[in-house]
Amino acid sequence: MSALDEIRRSIEQQYRLDPNIHISVSMTRPRIKIDNQQATITGVYPNFFQIEAQGKSYTHKYVDILMKNVRINEISTDFDKYNISSDGHTLGRHTRKSRG
């Protein structure tokens, strides 16, 4: 299962269980800065998800979480094991070489 599939599955589960979340967003285009604000997941789709925070609606791609532009506190984000290129493509899992 790819990192994006894991993220999508996690968001879908949270949406079904309790769509109320706490989110942090830091993006430059468009400029969005949200820090640990209460939000609601309003839709989950194959390539993106929608939230409502601070009275506004936002649409994010799952890669936004992978790139750490979006963080949902209620969802575990242990995606550091994936090697991500600057354009958001998964290059594979990190491997650690043993020293000695």
C-alpha atoms as a PDB file:
ATOM      1  CA  MET A   1       0.000   0.000   0.000  1.00  0.00           C
ATOM      2  CA  SER A   2       1.420   3.399  -0.950  1.00  0.00           C
ATOM      3  CA  ALA A   3       1.758   6.311   1.450  1.00  0.00           C
ATOM      4  CA  LEU A   4      -1.066   8.168  -0.295  1.00  0.00           C
ATOM      5  CA  ASP A   5      -3.336   5.115   0.034  1.00  0.00           C
ATOM      6  CA  GLU A   6      -2.539   4.957   3.765  1.00  0.00           C
ATOM      7  CA  ILE A   7      -3.323   8.661   4.175  1.00  0.00           C
ATOM      8  CA  ARG A   8      -6.581   8.369   2.219  1.00  0.00           C
ATOM      9  CA  ARG A   9      -7.647   5.349   4.288  1.00  0.00           C
ATOM     10  CA  SER A  10      -6.849   7.169   7.552  1.00  0.00           C
ATOM     11  CA  ILE A  11      -8.847  10.244   6.540  1.00  0.00           C
ATOM     12  CA  GLU A  12     -11.782   8.094   5.382  1.00  0.00           C
ATOM     13  CA  GLN A  13     -11.807   6.291   8.756  1.00  0.00           C
ATOM     14  CA  GLN A  14     -11.691   9.565  10.676  1.00  0.00           C
ATOM     15  CA  TYR A  15     -14.488  10.990   8.494  1.00  0.00           C
ATOM     16  CA  ARG A  16     -16.731   7.994   9.267  1.00  0.00           C
ATOM     17  CA  LEU A  17     -15.918   7.886  12.995  1.00  0.00           C
ATOM     18  CA  ASP A  18     -15.855  11.599  13.838  1.00  0.00           C
ATOM     19  CA  PRO A  19     -15.383  14.275  11.172  1.00  0.00           C
ATOM     20  CA  ASN A  20     -14.428  16.889  13.799  1.00  0.00           C
ATOM     21  CA  ILE A  21     -10.651  17.299  13.797  1.00  0.00           C
ATOM     22  CA  HIS A  22      -7.856  19.703  14.704  1.00  0.00           C
ATOM     23  CA  ILE A  23      -5.757  20.795  11.744  1.00  0.00           C
ATOM     24  CA  SER A  24      -2.602  22.765  11.065  1.00  0.00           C
ATOM     25  CA  VAL A  25      -1.938  24.088   7.559  1.00  0.00           C
ATOM     26  CA  SER A  26       1.093  25.970   6.301  1.00  0.00           C
ATOM     27  CA  MET A  27       1.025  26.678   2.570  1.00  0.00           C
ATOM     28  CA  THR A  28       2.398  29.534   0.499  1.00  0.00           C
ATOM     29  CA  ARG A  29       0.250  29.161  -2.628  1.00  0.00           C
ATOM     30  CA  PRO A  30      -2.444  29.970  -1.798  1.00  0.00           C
ATOM     31  CA  ARG A  31      -1.252  31.528   1.434  1.00  0.00           C
ATOM     32  CA  ILE A  32      -2.913  29.614   4.234  1.00  0.00           C
ATOM     33  CA  LYS A  33      -1.737  29.533   7.831  1.00  0.00           C
ATOM     34  CA  ILE A  34      -3.872  27.602  10.310  1.00  0.00           C
ATOM     35  CA  ASP A  35      -2.400  26.407  13.593  1.00  0.00           C
ATOM     36  CA  ASN A  36      -4.181  23.638  15.521  1.00  0.00           C
ATOM     37  CA  GLN A  37      -7.651  24.920  14.680  1.00  0.00           C
ATOM     38  CA  GLN A  38     -10.852  22.978  15.087  1.00  0.00           C
ATOM     39  CA  ALA A  39     -12.148  21.860  11.684  1.00  0.00           C
ATOM     40  CA  THR A  40     -14.619  19.443  10.126  1.00  0.00           C
ATOM     41  CA  ILE A  41     -13.964  17.013   7.309  1.00  0.00           C
ATOM     42  CA  THR A  42     -16.833  17.674   4.904  1.00  0.00           C
ATOM     43  CA  GLY A  43     -15.917  15.306   2.072  1.00  0.00           C
ATOM     44  CA  VAL A  44     -13.499  12.541   1.128  1.00  0.00           C
ATOM     45  CA  TYR A  45     -12.871  11.792  -2.537  1.00  0.00           C
ATOM     46  CA  PRO A  46     -10.397   9.636  -4.496  1.00  0.00           C
ATOM     47  CA  ASN A  47      -7.854  12.440  -5.090  1.00  0.00           C
ATOM     48  CA  PHE A  48      -8.645  15.078  -2.459  1.00  0.00           C
ATOM     49  CA  PHE A  49     -10.539  15.824   0.738  1.00  0.00           C
ATOM     50  CA  GLN A  50     -12.464  18.871   1.913  1.00  0.00           C
ATOM     51  CA  ILE A  51     -12.504  20.535   5.295  1.00  0.00           C
ATOM     52  CA  GLU A  52     -14.214  23.512   6.834  1.00  0.00           C
ATOM     53  CA  ALA A  53     -12.206  25.634   9.260  1.00  0.00           C
ATOM     54  CA  GLN A  54     -12.579  29.202  10.482  1.00  0.00           C
ATOM     55  CA  GLY A  55     -15.836  29.504   8.537  1.00  0.00           C
ATOM     56  CA  LYS A  56     -14.142  28.761   5.204  1.00  0.00           C
ATOM     57  CA  SER A  57     -14.016  25.662   3.007  1.00  0.00           C
ATOM     58  CA  TYR A  58     -10.663  24.248   1.903  1.00  0.00           C
ATOM     59  CA  THR A  59      -9.753  21.472  -0.515  1.00  0.00           C
ATOM     60  CA  HIS A  60      -6.493  19.572  -0.015  1.00  0.00           C
ATOM     61  CA  LYS A  61      -4.769  16.754  -1.847  1.00  0.00           C
ATOM     62  CA  TYR A  62      -3.534  13.759   0.138  1.00  0.00           C
ATOM     63  CA  VAL A  63       0.000  14.642  -0.928  1.00  0.00           C
ATOM     64  CA  ASP A  64      -0.347  17.842   1.158  1.00  0.00           C
ATOM     65  CA  ILE A  65      -0.200  15.631   4.253  1.00  0.00           C
ATOM     66  CA  LEU A  66       2.687  13.635   2.848  1.00  0.00           C
ATOM     67  CA  MET A  67       4.597  16.849   2.130  1.00  0.00           C
ATOM     68  CA  LYS A  68       3.772  18.074   5.670  1.00  0.00           C
ATOM     69  CA  ASN A  69       1.888  21.146   4.458  1.00  0.00           C
ATOM     70  CA  VAL A  70      -1.219  19.846   6.252  1.00  0.00           C
ATOM     71  CA  ARG A  71      -1.297  18.056   9.600  1.00  0.00           C
ATOM     72  CA  ILE A  72      -4.391  16.491  11.140  1.00  0.00           C
ATOM     73  CA  ASN A  73      -3.734  15.898  14.840  1.00  0.00           C
ATOM     74  CA  GLU A  74      -6.165  12.979  15.132  1.00  0.00           C
ATOM     75  CA  ILE A  75      -4.443  10.985  12.381  1.00  0.00           C
ATOM     76  CA  SER A  76      -1.076   9.338  12.873  1.00  0.00           C
ATOM     77  CA  THR A  77       1.355  10.736  10.337  1.00  0.00           C
ATOM     78  CA  ASP A  78       4.294   8.360  10.433  1.00  0.00           C
ATOM     79  CA  PHE A  79       5.076   8.836   6.771  1.00  0.00           C
ATOM     80  CA  ASP A  80       8.776   9.696   7.239  1.00  0.00           C
ATOM     81  CA  LYS A  81       9.522   6.136   6.125  1.00  0.00           C
ATOM     82  CA  TYR A  82       8.783   7.231   2.542  1.00  0.00           C
ATOM     83  CA  ASN A  83      11.292   9.043   0.382  1.00  0.00           C
ATOM     84  CA  ILE A  84       9.420  11.958  -1.202  1.00  0.00           C
ATOM     85  CA  SER A  85      10.670  14.020  -4.120  1.00  0.00           C
ATOM     86  CA  SER A  86      10.173  17.786  -4.198  1.00  0.00           C
ATOM     87  CA  ASP A  87       7.133  17.376  -6.469  1.00  0.00           C
ATOM     88  CA  GLY A  88       5.433  14.978  -4.054  1.00  0.00           C
ATOM     89  CA  HIS A  89       6.117  11.647  -5.764  1.00  0.00           C
ATOM     90  CA  THR A  90       6.995   8.664  -3.636  1.00  0.00           C
ATOM     91  CA  LEU A  91      10.418   7.377  -4.605  1.00  0.00           C
ATOM     92  CA  GLY A  92      10.348   4.400  -2.263  1.00  0.00           C
ATOM     93  CA  ARG A  93      10.939   3.618   1.370  1.00  0.00           C
ATOM     94  CA  HIS A  94      13.958   4.928   3.219  1.00  0.00           C
ATOM     95  CA  THR A  95      16.441   2.288   4.121  1.00  0.00           C
ATOM     96  CA  ARG A  96      18.955   2.699   6.872  1.00  0.00           C
ATOM     97  CA  LYS A  97      22.390   1.279   6.424  1.00  0.00           C
ATOM     98  CA  SER A  98      23.961  -0.195   9.495  1.00  0.00           C
ATOM     99  CA  ARG A  99      27.278   1.250  10.495  1.00  0.00           C
ATOM    100  CA  GLY A 100      30.163  -0.817  11.582  1.00  0.00           C
END
